[in-house]
Amino acid sequence: MVSAVFHSPREAALEAAAAAKAAPVVIAQPVEPRAPRQPFDWRGLWLQIIPPVLGLALMVGIWALLTMKGGAFPTPAATFDAAVKLFADPFYSKGPNDQGIGWNILFSLQRVALGFGLAALVGIPLGFMIGRFGFLNRMLSPLISLLKPVSPLAWLPIGLLVFKSANPAAIWTIFICSIWPMVVNTAVGVQRVPQDYLNVARVLNLSEWKVMTRILFPAVLPYMLTGVRLSVGTAWLVIVAAEMLTGGVGIGFWVWDEWNNLNVQHIIIAIFVIGIVGLALEQLLMAVARRFSFDD
């Protein structure tokens, strides 16, 4: 016979409590709610991409309307066909005066890099000293105000006279014309550093080098990068004009050579190429300025 064992309610509650203590405790982990999926920002796309595309389409449309009846000015279709043939082999070389557009762009960029680099090596430290020392500021400010408005091409004969060669003369012209924005903007940035910062440096007895590197440089960097961006734009403008006069290999000389050949299609292509390269240089420096910004 199987005897049934009956427990009182009290005993049953005690057994349940003991079983609960013996059972492993499982702590439920909170489940984080999944972030809702963000819809595609069509409005941002419209504001950033569509307007430039519409502006370019409007320009090409007006261009096509003005050249419908023919004439010396080429149509957009003819210019596009010429660009396809031109960029099919941009790095050909058939002699010193017959090279592809790719080589001409690279030679111009090389001259710009040399002239601009030399201007930065001289102009940025000079701007720091002019902004830091009042005597130097009063001594050099009249000279800068006198030389800064001079046309870039006015400096080219001086370079030809001194260097006796077209290539260093073009680099000299870039140097002397791109140095002023860096000098002026850097000096203004130094002069706008709050005096409290310099007073703290004086109390801490910091050396002039530490004042320059620890206090002035972070505060002046946005002004300095603005001057650099303006200078590289000036350098790219100057090199095209200088190469037209000096000859050799470069995008400016290429434009003038195509004009001598009455090839207007290539001149229009060169205008677009010059603009695109200048825009790329400016956007690159703006990205560098945002990367090293201390605003955040």
C-alpha atoms as a PDB file:
ATOM      1  CA  MET A   1       0.000   0.000   0.000  1.00  0.00           C
ATOM      2  CA  VAL A   2       1.155   3.470  -0.798  1.00  0.00           C
ATOM      3  CA  SER A   3       0.626   5.806   2.039  1.00  0.00           C
ATOM      4  CA  ALA A   4      -0.069   9.407   1.180  1.00  0.00           C
ATOM      5  CA  VAL A   5       1.893  11.989   3.129  1.00  0.00           C
ATOM      6  CA  PHE A   6      -0.018  15.119   3.909  1.00  0.00           C
ATOM      7  CA  HIS A   7       1.660  18.324   5.005  1.00  0.00           C
ATOM      8  CA  SER A   8       0.159  21.140   6.836  1.00  0.00           C
ATOM      9  CA  PRO A   9       0.100  24.537   5.141  1.00  0.00           C
ATOM     10  CA  ARG A  10       2.883  25.719   7.455  1.00  0.00           C
ATOM     11  CA  GLU A  11       5.133  22.814   6.525  1.00  0.00           C
ATOM     12  CA  ALA A  12       4.411  23.300   2.818  1.00  0.00           C
ATOM     13  CA  ALA A  13       5.367  26.977   3.036  1.00  0.00           C
ATOM     14  CA  LEU A  14       8.633  26.105   4.845  1.00  0.00           C
ATOM     15  CA  GLU A  15       9.533  23.523   2.190  1.00  0.00           C
ATOM     16  CA  ALA A  16       8.818  26.026  -0.595  1.00  0.00           C
ATOM     17  CA  ALA A  17      11.015  28.613   1.084  1.00  0.00           C
ATOM     18  CA  ALA A  18      13.856  26.120   1.471  1.00  0.00           C
ATOM     19  CA  ALA A  19      13.599  25.131  -2.200  1.00  0.00           C
ATOM     20  CA  ALA A  20      13.685  28.780  -3.208  1.00  0.00           C
ATOM     21  CA  LYS A  21      16.892  29.318  -1.202  1.00  0.00           C
ATOM     22  CA  ALA A  22      18.531  26.246  -2.732  1.00  0.00           C
ATOM     23  CA  ALA A  23      17.663  27.250  -6.306  1.00  0.00           C
ATOM     24  CA  PRO A  24      20.242  29.389  -8.169  1.00  0.00           C
ATOM     25  CA  VAL A  25      19.444  33.055  -8.325  1.00  0.00           C
ATOM     26  CA  VAL A  26      19.155  34.353 -11.888  1.00  0.00           C
ATOM     27  CA  ILE A  27      19.388  38.118 -12.246  1.00  0.00           C
ATOM     28  CA  ALA A  28      17.621  39.326 -15.316  1.00  0.00           C
ATOM     29  CA  GLN A  29      19.709  41.715 -17.375  1.00  0.00           C
ATOM     30  CA  PRO A  30      17.904  44.847 -18.433  1.00  0.00           C
ATOM     31  CA  VAL A  31      17.245  44.906 -22.137  1.00  0.00           C
ATOM     32  CA  GLU A  32      18.153  48.217 -23.673  1.00  0.00           C
ATOM     33  CA  PRO A  33      15.572  49.454 -26.097  1.00  0.00           C
ATOM     34  CA  ARG A  34      16.764  49.480 -29.680  1.00  0.00           C
ATOM     35  CA  ALA A  35      17.171  52.939 -31.089  1.00  0.00           C
ATOM     36  CA  PRO A  36      14.606  53.698 -33.738  1.00  0.00           C
ATOM     37  CA  ARG A  37      15.941  53.679 -37.250  1.00  0.00           C
ATOM     38  CA  GLN A  38      16.495  57.186 -38.501  1.00  0.00           C
ATOM     39  CA  PRO A  39      14.849  57.983 -41.826  1.00  0.00           C
ATOM     40  CA  PHE A  40      17.039  59.101 -44.714  1.00  0.00           C
ATOM     41  CA  ASP A  41      17.649  62.836 -44.626  1.00  0.00           C
ATOM     42  CA  TRP A  42      16.310  63.798 -48.042  1.00  0.00           C
ATOM     43  CA  ARG A  43      16.173  67.457 -47.036  1.00  0.00           C
ATOM     44  CA  GLY A  44      19.901  67.486 -46.231  1.00  0.00           C
ATOM     45  CA  LEU A  45      20.609  65.867 -49.584  1.00  0.00           C
ATOM     46  CA  TRP A  46      18.550  68.536 -51.315  1.00  0.00           C
ATOM     47  CA  LEU A  47      20.305  71.399 -49.524  1.00  0.00           C
ATOM     48  CA  GLN A  48      23.855  70.098 -50.086  1.00  0.00           C
ATOM     49  CA  ILE A  49      23.894  68.375 -53.477  1.00  0.00           C
ATOM     50  CA  ILE A  50      20.953  69.436 -55.587  1.00  0.00           C
ATOM     51  CA  PRO A  51      21.583  73.242 -55.624  1.00  0.00           C
ATOM     52  CA  PRO A  52      25.166  72.971 -56.971  1.00  0.00           C
ATOM     53  CA  VAL A  53      24.013  70.470 -59.586  1.00  0.00           C
ATOM     54  CA  LEU A  54      21.188  72.784 -60.631  1.00  0.00           C
ATOM     55  CA  GLY A  55      23.575  75.736 -60.820  1.00  0.00           C
ATOM     56  CA  LEU A  56      25.979  73.796 -63.031  1.00  0.00           C
ATOM     57  CA  ALA A  57      23.097  72.595 -65.218  1.00  0.00           C
ATOM     58  CA  LEU A  58      21.856  76.179 -65.552  1.00  0.00           C
ATOM     59  CA  MET A  59      25.284  77.376 -66.664  1.00  0.00           C
ATOM     60  CA  VAL A  60      25.597  74.580 -69.251  1.00  0.00           C
ATOM     61  CA  GLY A  61      22.060  75.290 -70.478  1.00  0.00           C
ATOM     62  CA  ILE A  62      22.780  78.988 -71.000  1.00  0.00           C
ATOM     63  CA  TRP A  63      26.055  78.062 -72.683  1.00  0.00           C
ATOM     64  CA  ALA A  64      24.224  75.693 -75.045  1.00  0.00           C
ATOM     65  CA  LEU A  65      21.585  78.309 -75.905  1.00  0.00           C
ATOM     66  CA  LEU A  66      24.205  80.947 -76.708  1.00  0.00           C
ATOM     67  CA  THR A  67      26.114  78.600 -79.017  1.00  0.00           C
ATOM     68  CA  MET A  68      23.144  77.039 -80.846  1.00  0.00           C
ATOM     69  CA  LYS A  69      23.758  79.061 -84.003  1.00  0.00           C
ATOM     70  CA  GLY A  70      27.438  78.183 -84.163  1.00  0.00           C
ATOM     71  CA  GLY A  71      30.354  80.577 -84.242  1.00  0.00           C
ATOM     72  CA  ALA A  72      33.883  80.660 -82.880  1.00  0.00           C
ATOM     73  CA  PHE A  73      32.789  79.670 -79.388  1.00  0.00           C
ATOM     74  CA  PRO A  74      32.412  75.869 -79.045  1.00  0.00           C
ATOM     75  CA  THR A  75      29.263  74.151 -77.795  1.00  0.00           C
ATOM     76  CA  PRO A  76      29.175  72.162 -74.517  1.00  0.00           C
ATOM     77  CA  ALA A  77      28.953  68.889 -76.476  1.00  0.00           C
ATOM     78  CA  ALA A  78      32.022  69.701 -78.583  1.00  0.00           C
ATOM     79  CA  THR A  79      33.953  70.771 -75.471  1.00  0.00           C
ATOM     80  CA  PHE A  80      33.006  67.561 -73.677  1.00  0.00           C
ATOM     81  CA  ASP A  81      34.191  65.441 -76.619  1.00  0.00           C
ATOM     82  CA  ALA A  82      37.482  67.339 -76.631  1.00  0.00           C
ATOM     83  CA  ALA A  83      37.846  66.781 -72.877  1.00  0.00           C
ATOM     84  CA  VAL A  84      37.311  63.030 -73.298  1.00  0.00           C
ATOM     85  CA  LYS A  85      40.085  62.875 -75.897  1.00  0.00           C
ATOM     86  CA  LEU A  86      42.337  65.135 -73.826  1.00  0.00           C
ATOM     87  CA  PHE A  87      42.054  63.107 -70.621  1.00  0.00           C
ATOM     88  CA  ALA A  88      42.325  59.781 -72.435  1.00  0.00           C
ATOM     89  CA  ASP A  89      46.119  60.251 -72.271  1.00  0.00           C
ATOM     90  CA  PRO A  90      46.896  63.166 -69.914  1.00  0.00           C
ATOM     91  CA  PHE A  91      50.531  62.173 -69.286  1.00  0.00           C
ATOM     92  CA  TYR A  92      51.953  61.846 -72.770  1.00  0.00           C
ATOM     93  CA  SER A  93      55.271  63.525 -73.537  1.00  0.00           C
ATOM     94  CA  LYS A  94      56.406  64.475 -77.043  1.00  0.00           C
ATOM     95  CA  GLY A  95      59.089  66.958 -76.169  1.00  0.00           C
ATOM     96  CA  PRO A  96      59.592  69.858 -73.761  1.00  0.00           C
ATOM     97  CA  ASN A  97      56.857  71.976 -75.340  1.00  0.00           C
ATOM     98  CA  ASP A  98      54.328  69.218 -76.073  1.00  0.00           C
ATOM     99  CA  GLN A  99      53.210  67.406 -72.921  1.00  0.00           C
ATOM    100  CA  GLY A 100      49.862  66.216 -71.622  1.00  0.00           C
ATOM    101  CA  ILE A 101      47.646  68.309 -69.406  1.00  0.00           C
ATOM    102  CA  GLY A 102      48.429  66.057 -66.448  1.00  0.00           C
ATOM    103  CA  TRP A 103      52.122  66.946 -66.578  1.00  0.00           C
ATOM    104  CA  ASN A 104      51.291  70.641 -66.897  1.00  0.00           C
ATOM    105  CA  ILE A 105      49.083  70.521 -63.786  1.00  0.00           C
ATOM    106  CA  LEU A 106      51.750  68.655 -61.799  1.00  0.00           C
ATOM    107  CA  PHE A 107      54.486  71.124 -62.781  1.00  0.00           C
ATOM    108  CA  SER A 108      52.277  74.051 -61.753  1.00  0.00           C
ATOM    109  CA  LEU A 109      51.460  72.387 -58.430  1.00  0.00           C
ATOM    110  CA  GLN A 110      55.161  71.788 -57.842  1.00  0.00           C
ATOM    111  CA  ARG A 111      55.926  75.486 -58.309  1.00  0.00           C
ATOM    112  CA  VAL A 112      53.033  76.433 -56.065  1.00  0.00           C
ATOM    113  CA  ALA A 113      54.222  74.017 -53.363  1.00  0.00           C
ATOM    114  CA  LEU A 114      57.750  75.441 -53.403  1.00  0.00           C
ATOM    115  CA  GLY A 115      56.741  79.102 -53.406  1.00  0.00           C
ATOM    116  CA  PHE A 116      53.941  78.595 -50.906  1.00  0.00           C
ATOM    117  CA  GLY A 117      56.111  76.458 -48.616  1.00  0.00           C
ATOM    118  CA  LEU A 118      58.848  79.081 -48.534  1.00  0.00           C
ATOM    119  CA  ALA A 119      56.249  81.772 -47.827  1.00  0.00           C
ATOM    120  CA  ALA A 120      54.866  79.749 -44.906  1.00  0.00           C
ATOM    121  CA  LEU A 121      58.354  79.166 -43.461  1.00  0.00           C
ATOM    122  CA  VAL A 122      59.032  82.913 -43.492  1.00  0.00           C
ATOM    123  CA  GLY A 123      55.571  84.447 -43.101  1.00  0.00           C
ATOM    124  CA  ILE A 124      54.193  82.537 -40.114  1.00  0.00           C
ATOM    125  CA  PRO A 125      57.189  83.153 -37.767  1.00  0.00           C
ATOM    126  CA  LEU A 126      57.342  86.754 -38.972  1.00  0.00           C
ATOM    127  CA  GLY A 127      53.648  87.190 -38.174  1.00  0.00           C
ATOM    128  CA  PHE A 128      54.225  85.832 -34.660  1.00  0.00           C
ATOM    129  CA  MET A 129      57.067  88.278 -34.045  1.00  0.00           C
ATOM    130  CA  ILE A 130      55.164  91.259 -35.458  1.00  0.00           C
ATOM    131  CA  GLY A 131      52.155  90.492 -33.277  1.00  0.00           C
ATOM    132  CA  ARG A 132      54.258  89.794 -30.186  1.00  0.00           C
ATOM    133  CA  PHE A 133      56.667  92.726 -30.229  1.00  0.00           C
ATOM    134  CA  GLY A 134      55.251  96.221 -30.593  1.00  0.00           C
ATOM    135  CA  PHE A 135      58.497  97.795 -31.835  1.00  0.00           C
ATOM    136  CA  LEU A 136      58.762  95.274 -34.670  1.00  0.00           C
ATOM    137  CA  ASN A 137      55.103  95.850 -35.507  1.00  0.00           C
ATOM    138  CA  ARG A 138      55.589  99.614 -35.813  1.00  0.00           C
ATOM    139  CA  MET A 139      58.731  99.100 -37.879  1.00  0.00           C
ATOM    140  CA  LEU A 140      57.379  96.587 -40.434  1.00  0.00           C
ATOM    141  CA  SER A 141      53.689  97.462 -40.720  1.00  0.00           C
ATOM    142  CA  PRO A 142      54.306 100.405 -43.117  1.00  0.00           C
ATOM    143  CA  LEU A 143      56.430  98.198 -45.355  1.00  0.00           C
ATOM    144  CA  ILE A 144      53.780  95.471 -45.453  1.00  0.00           C
ATOM    145  CA  SER A 145      51.045  98.014 -46.200  1.00  0.00           C
ATOM    146  CA  LEU A 146      53.167  99.375 -49.033  1.00  0.00           C
ATOM    147  CA  LEU A 147      54.111  96.057 -50.661  1.00  0.00           C
ATOM    148  CA  LYS A 148      50.943  94.022 -50.132  1.00  0.00           C
ATOM    149  CA  PRO A 149      48.771  95.759 -52.795  1.00  0.00           C
ATOM    150  CA  VAL A 150      51.418  95.412 -55.536  1.00  0.00           C
ATOM    151  CA  SER A 151      50.211  93.342 -58.492  1.00  0.00           C
ATOM    152  CA  PRO A 152      51.721  89.842 -58.622  1.00  0.00           C
ATOM    153  CA  LEU A 153      53.019  90.253 -62.165  1.00  0.00           C
ATOM    154  CA  ALA A 154      54.950  93.364 -61.138  1.00  0.00           C
ATOM    155  CA  TRP A 155      57.257  91.093 -59.134  1.00  0.00           C
ATOM    156  CA  LEU A 156      57.987  88.768 -62.050  1.00  0.00           C
ATOM    157  CA  PRO A 157      60.558  91.046 -63.822  1.00  0.00           C
ATOM    158  CA  ILE A 158      62.421  91.397 -60.510  1.00  0.00           C
ATOM    159  CA  GLY A 159      62.629  87.617 -60.278  1.00  0.00           C
ATOM    160  CA  LEU A 160      63.832  87.309 -63.865  1.00  0.00           C
ATOM    161  CA  LEU A 161      66.467  89.963 -63.198  1.00  0.00           C
ATOM    162  CA  VAL A 162      67.752  88.302 -60.034  1.00  0.00           C
ATOM    163  CA  PHE A 163      67.511  84.602 -60.904  1.00  0.00           C
ATOM    164  CA  LYS A 164      68.120  84.777 -64.694  1.00  0.00           C
ATOM    165  CA  SER A 165      65.675  81.892 -65.184  1.00  0.00           C
ATOM    166  CA  ALA A 166      61.934  81.546 -65.628  1.00  0.00           C
ATOM    167  CA  ASN A 167      61.265  78.724 -63.158  1.00  0.00           C
ATOM    168  CA  PRO A 168      62.805  80.336 -60.027  1.00  0.00           C
ATOM    169  CA  ALA A 169      61.298  83.663 -61.086  1.00  0.00           C
ATOM    170  CA  ALA A 170      57.810  82.097 -61.058  1.00  0.00           C
ATOM    171  CA  ILE A 171      58.495  80.543 -57.635  1.00  0.00           C
ATOM    172  CA  TRP A 172      59.713  83.938 -56.369  1.00  0.00           C
ATOM    173  CA  THR A 173      56.505  85.572 -57.609  1.00  0.00           C
ATOM    174  CA  ILE A 174      54.392  83.002 -55.760  1.00  0.00           C
ATOM    175  CA  PHE A 175      56.474  83.491 -52.617  1.00  0.00           C
ATOM    176  CA  ILE A 176      56.233  87.277 -52.496  1.00  0.00           C
ATOM    177  CA  CYS A 177      52.498  87.335 -53.245  1.00  0.00           C
ATOM    178  CA  SER A 178      51.375  84.536 -50.918  1.00  0.00           C
ATOM    179  CA  ILE A 179      53.391  85.625 -47.882  1.00  0.00           C
ATOM    180  CA  TRP A 180      51.274  88.663 -46.958  1.00  0.00           C
ATOM    181  CA  PRO A 181      48.002  86.930 -45.932  1.00  0.00           C
ATOM    182  CA  MET A 182      49.940  84.622 -43.602  1.00  0.00           C
ATOM    183  CA  VAL A 183      51.909  87.472 -42.048  1.00  0.00           C
ATOM    184  CA  VAL A 184      48.876  89.714 -41.515  1.00  0.00           C
ATOM    185  CA  ASN A 185      46.476  87.042 -40.226  1.00  0.00           C
ATOM    186  CA  THR A 186      49.050  85.516 -37.873  1.00  0.00           C
ATOM    187  CA  ALA A 187      49.966  88.937 -36.456  1.00  0.00           C
ATOM    188  CA  VAL A 188      46.296  89.828 -35.922  1.00  0.00           C
ATOM    189  CA  GLY A 189      45.737  86.504 -34.147  1.00  0.00           C
ATOM    190  CA  VAL A 190      48.652  87.142 -31.781  1.00  0.00           C
ATOM    191  CA  GLN A 191      47.427  90.638 -31.008  1.00  0.00           C
ATOM    192  CA  ARG A 192      43.949  89.326 -30.125  1.00  0.00           C
ATOM    193  CA  VAL A 193      45.170  86.850 -27.509  1.00  0.00           C
ATOM    194  CA  PRO A 194      43.643  87.937 -24.156  1.00  0.00           C
ATOM    195  CA  GLN A 195      46.087  89.794 -21.942  1.00  0.00           C
ATOM    196  CA  ASP A 196      45.093  87.587 -18.992  1.00  0.00           C
ATOM    197  CA  TYR A 197      46.795  84.629 -20.681  1.00  0.00           C
ATOM    198  CA  LEU A 198      50.038  86.557 -20.974  1.00  0.00           C
ATOM    199  CA  ASN A 199      49.755  87.779 -17.385  1.00  0.00           C
ATOM    200  CA  VAL A 200      49.493  84.181 -16.161  1.00  0.00           C
ATOM    201  CA  ALA A 201      52.567  83.281 -18.219  1.00  0.00           C
ATOM    202  CA  ARG A 202      54.440  86.189 -16.639  1.00  0.00           C
ATOM    203  CA  VAL A 203      53.438  85.064 -13.136  1.00  0.00           C
ATOM    204  CA  LEU A 204      54.580  81.512 -13.882  1.00  0.00           C
ATOM    205  CA  ASN A 205      57.837  82.908 -15.278  1.00  0.00           C
ATOM    206  CA  LEU A 206      57.470  81.014 -18.551  1.00  0.00           C
ATOM    207  CA  SER A 207      60.150  81.385 -21.181  1.00  0.00           C
ATOM    208  CA  GLU A 208      59.357  83.123 -24.463  1.00  0.00           C
ATOM    209  CA  TRP A 209      59.466  79.770 -26.286  1.00  0.00           C
ATOM    210  CA  LYS A 210      56.866  78.279 -23.933  1.00  0.00           C
ATOM    211  CA  VAL A 211      54.696  81.362 -24.292  1.00  0.00           C
ATOM    212  CA  MET A 212      54.829  80.923 -28.069  1.00  0.00           C
ATOM    213  CA  THR A 213      54.165  77.177 -28.105  1.00  0.00           C
ATOM    214  CA  ARG A 214      51.845  76.718 -25.095  1.00  0.00           C
ATOM    215  CA  ILE A 215      49.748  79.918 -25.144  1.00  0.00           C
ATOM    216  CA  LEU A 216      50.006  81.794 -28.421  1.00  0.00           C
ATOM    217  CA  PHE A 217      50.057  78.918 -30.907  1.00  0.00           C
ATOM    218  CA  PRO A 218      46.727  77.281 -29.876  1.00  0.00           C
ATOM    219  CA  ALA A 219      45.007  80.664 -29.756  1.00  0.00           C
ATOM    220  CA  VAL A 220      46.445  81.895 -33.053  1.00  0.00           C
ATOM    221  CA  LEU A 221      45.966  78.663 -35.026  1.00  0.00           C
ATOM    222  CA  PRO A 222      42.518  79.560 -36.497  1.00  0.00           C
ATOM    223  CA  TYR A 223      43.843  82.932 -37.725  1.00  0.00           C
ATOM    224  CA  MET A 224      46.979  81.309 -39.080  1.00  0.00           C
ATOM    225  CA  LEU A 225      45.050  78.647 -41.017  1.00  0.00           C
ATOM    226  CA  THR A 226      42.803  81.340 -42.489  1.00  0.00           C
ATOM    227  CA  GLY A 227      45.894  83.123 -43.762  1.00  0.00           C
ATOM    228  CA  VAL A 228      47.238  79.855 -45.172  1.00  0.00           C
ATOM    229  CA  ARG A 229      43.965  79.223 -47.033  1.00  0.00           C
ATOM    230  CA  LEU A 230      43.990  82.718 -48.519  1.00  0.00           C
ATOM    231  CA  SER A 231      47.638  82.373 -49.478  1.00  0.00           C
ATOM    232  CA  VAL A 232      47.241  79.098 -51.348  1.00  0.00           C
ATOM    233  CA  GLY A 233      44.385  80.599 -53.363  1.00  0.00           C
ATOM    234  CA  THR A 234      46.578  83.572 -54.242  1.00  0.00           C
ATOM    235  CA  ALA A 235      49.468  81.271 -55.173  1.00  0.00           C
ATOM    236  CA  TRP A 236      47.301  79.244 -57.548  1.00  0.00           C
ATOM    237  CA  LEU A 237      46.030  82.426 -59.205  1.00  0.00           C
ATOM    238  CA  VAL A 238      49.533  83.840 -59.602  1.00  0.00           C
ATOM    239  CA  ILE A 239      51.144  80.739 -61.100  1.00  0.00           C
ATOM    240  CA  VAL A 240      48.721  80.677 -64.043  1.00  0.00           C
ATOM    241  CA  ALA A 241      49.501  84.287 -64.951  1.00  0.00           C
ATOM    242  CA  ALA A 242      53.241  83.881 -64.359  1.00  0.00           C
ATOM    243  CA  GLU A 243      53.480  80.773 -66.547  1.00  0.00           C
ATOM    244  CA  MET A 244      51.741  82.591 -69.394  1.00  0.00           C
ATOM    245  CA  LEU A 245      54.632  85.050 -69.439  1.00  0.00           C
ATOM    246  CA  THR A 246      57.555  82.763 -68.626  1.00  0.00           C
ATOM    247  CA  GLY A 247      56.662  79.741 -70.779  1.00  0.00           C
ATOM    248  CA  GLY A 248      57.894  76.213 -70.156  1.00  0.00           C
ATOM    249  CA  VAL A 249      55.665  73.475 -68.781  1.00  0.00           C
ATOM    250  CA  GLY A 250      52.649  74.439 -66.683  1.00  0.00           C
ATOM    251  CA  ILE A 251      48.920  74.955 -66.916  1.00  0.00           C
ATOM    252  CA  GLY A 252      49.325  78.682 -67.571  1.00  0.00           C
ATOM    253  CA  PHE A 253      51.738  78.128 -70.439  1.00  0.00           C
ATOM    254  CA  TRP A 254      49.440  75.372 -71.766  1.00  0.00           C
ATOM    255  CA  VAL A 255      46.496  77.796 -71.871  1.00  0.00           C
ATOM    256  CA  TRP A 256      48.545  80.404 -73.738  1.00  0.00           C
ATOM    257  CA  ASP A 257      49.891  77.793 -76.149  1.00  0.00           C
ATOM    258  CA  GLU A 258      46.368  76.577 -76.919  1.00  0.00           C
ATOM    259  CA  TRP A 259      45.340  80.177 -77.598  1.00  0.00           C
ATOM    260  CA  ASN A 260      48.182  80.502 -80.081  1.00  0.00           C
ATOM    261  CA  ASN A 261      46.797  77.370 -81.747  1.00  0.00           C
ATOM    262  CA  LEU A 262      43.263  78.881 -81.634  1.00  0.00           C
ATOM    263  CA  ASN A 263      42.025  75.827 -79.747  1.00  0.00           C
ATOM    264  CA  VAL A 264      39.233  77.440 -77.715  1.00  0.00           C
ATOM    265  CA  GLN A 265      37.864  74.093 -76.557  1.00  0.00           C
ATOM    266  CA  HIS A 266      41.067  73.301 -74.695  1.00  0.00           C
ATOM    267  CA  ILE A 267      41.111  76.783 -73.155  1.00  0.00           C
ATOM    268  CA  ILE A 268      37.620  76.216 -71.721  1.00  0.00           C
ATOM    269  CA  ILE A 269      38.704  72.815 -70.421  1.00  0.00           C
ATOM    270  CA  ALA A 270      41.735  74.434 -68.772  1.00  0.00           C
ATOM    271  CA  ILE A 271      39.490  77.006 -67.080  1.00  0.00           C
ATOM    272  CA  PHE A 272      37.438  74.212 -65.526  1.00  0.00           C
ATOM    273  CA  VAL A 273      40.583  72.308 -64.523  1.00  0.00           C
ATOM    274  CA  ILE A 274      42.119  75.386 -62.879  1.00  0.00           C
ATOM    275  CA  GLY A 275      38.913  76.019 -60.966  1.00  0.00           C
ATOM    276  CA  ILE A 276      38.596  72.398 -59.813  1.00  0.00           C
ATOM    277  CA  VAL A 277      42.205  72.230 -58.628  1.00  0.00           C
ATOM    278  CA  GLY A 278      41.867  75.546 -56.784  1.00  0.00           C
ATOM    279  CA  LEU A 279      38.644  74.374 -55.154  1.00  0.00           C
ATOM    280  CA  ALA A 280      40.287  71.105 -54.108  1.00  0.00           C
ATOM    281  CA  LEU A 281      43.214  72.956 -52.515  1.00  0.00           C
ATOM    282  CA  GLU A 282      40.865  75.254 -50.608  1.00  0.00           C
ATOM    283  CA  GLN A 283      38.668  72.374 -49.389  1.00  0.00           C
ATOM    284  CA  LEU A 284      41.760  70.464 -48.262  1.00  0.00           C
ATOM    285  CA  LEU A 285      42.968  73.378 -46.166  1.00  0.00           C
ATOM    286  CA  MET A 286      39.491  73.938 -44.739  1.00  0.00           C
ATOM    287  CA  ALA A 287      39.444  70.286 -43.657  1.00  0.00           C
ATOM    288  CA  VAL A 288      42.838  70.769 -41.995  1.00  0.00           C
ATOM    289  CA  ALA A 289      41.518  73.893 -40.244  1.00  0.00           C
ATOM    290  CA  ARG A 290      38.513  71.971 -38.889  1.00  0.00           C
ATOM    291  CA  ARG A 291      40.765  69.120 -37.786  1.00  0.00           C
ATOM    292  CA  PHE A 292      43.011  71.395 -35.724  1.00  0.00           C
ATOM    293  CA  SER A 293      40.305  73.730 -34.441  1.00  0.00           C
ATOM    294  CA  PHE A 294      40.305  74.331 -30.675  1.00  0.00           C
ATOM    295  CA  ASP A 295      36.747  75.601 -30.558  1.00  0.00           C
ATOM    296  CA  ASP A 296      35.413  72.313 -29.210  1.00  0.00           C
END
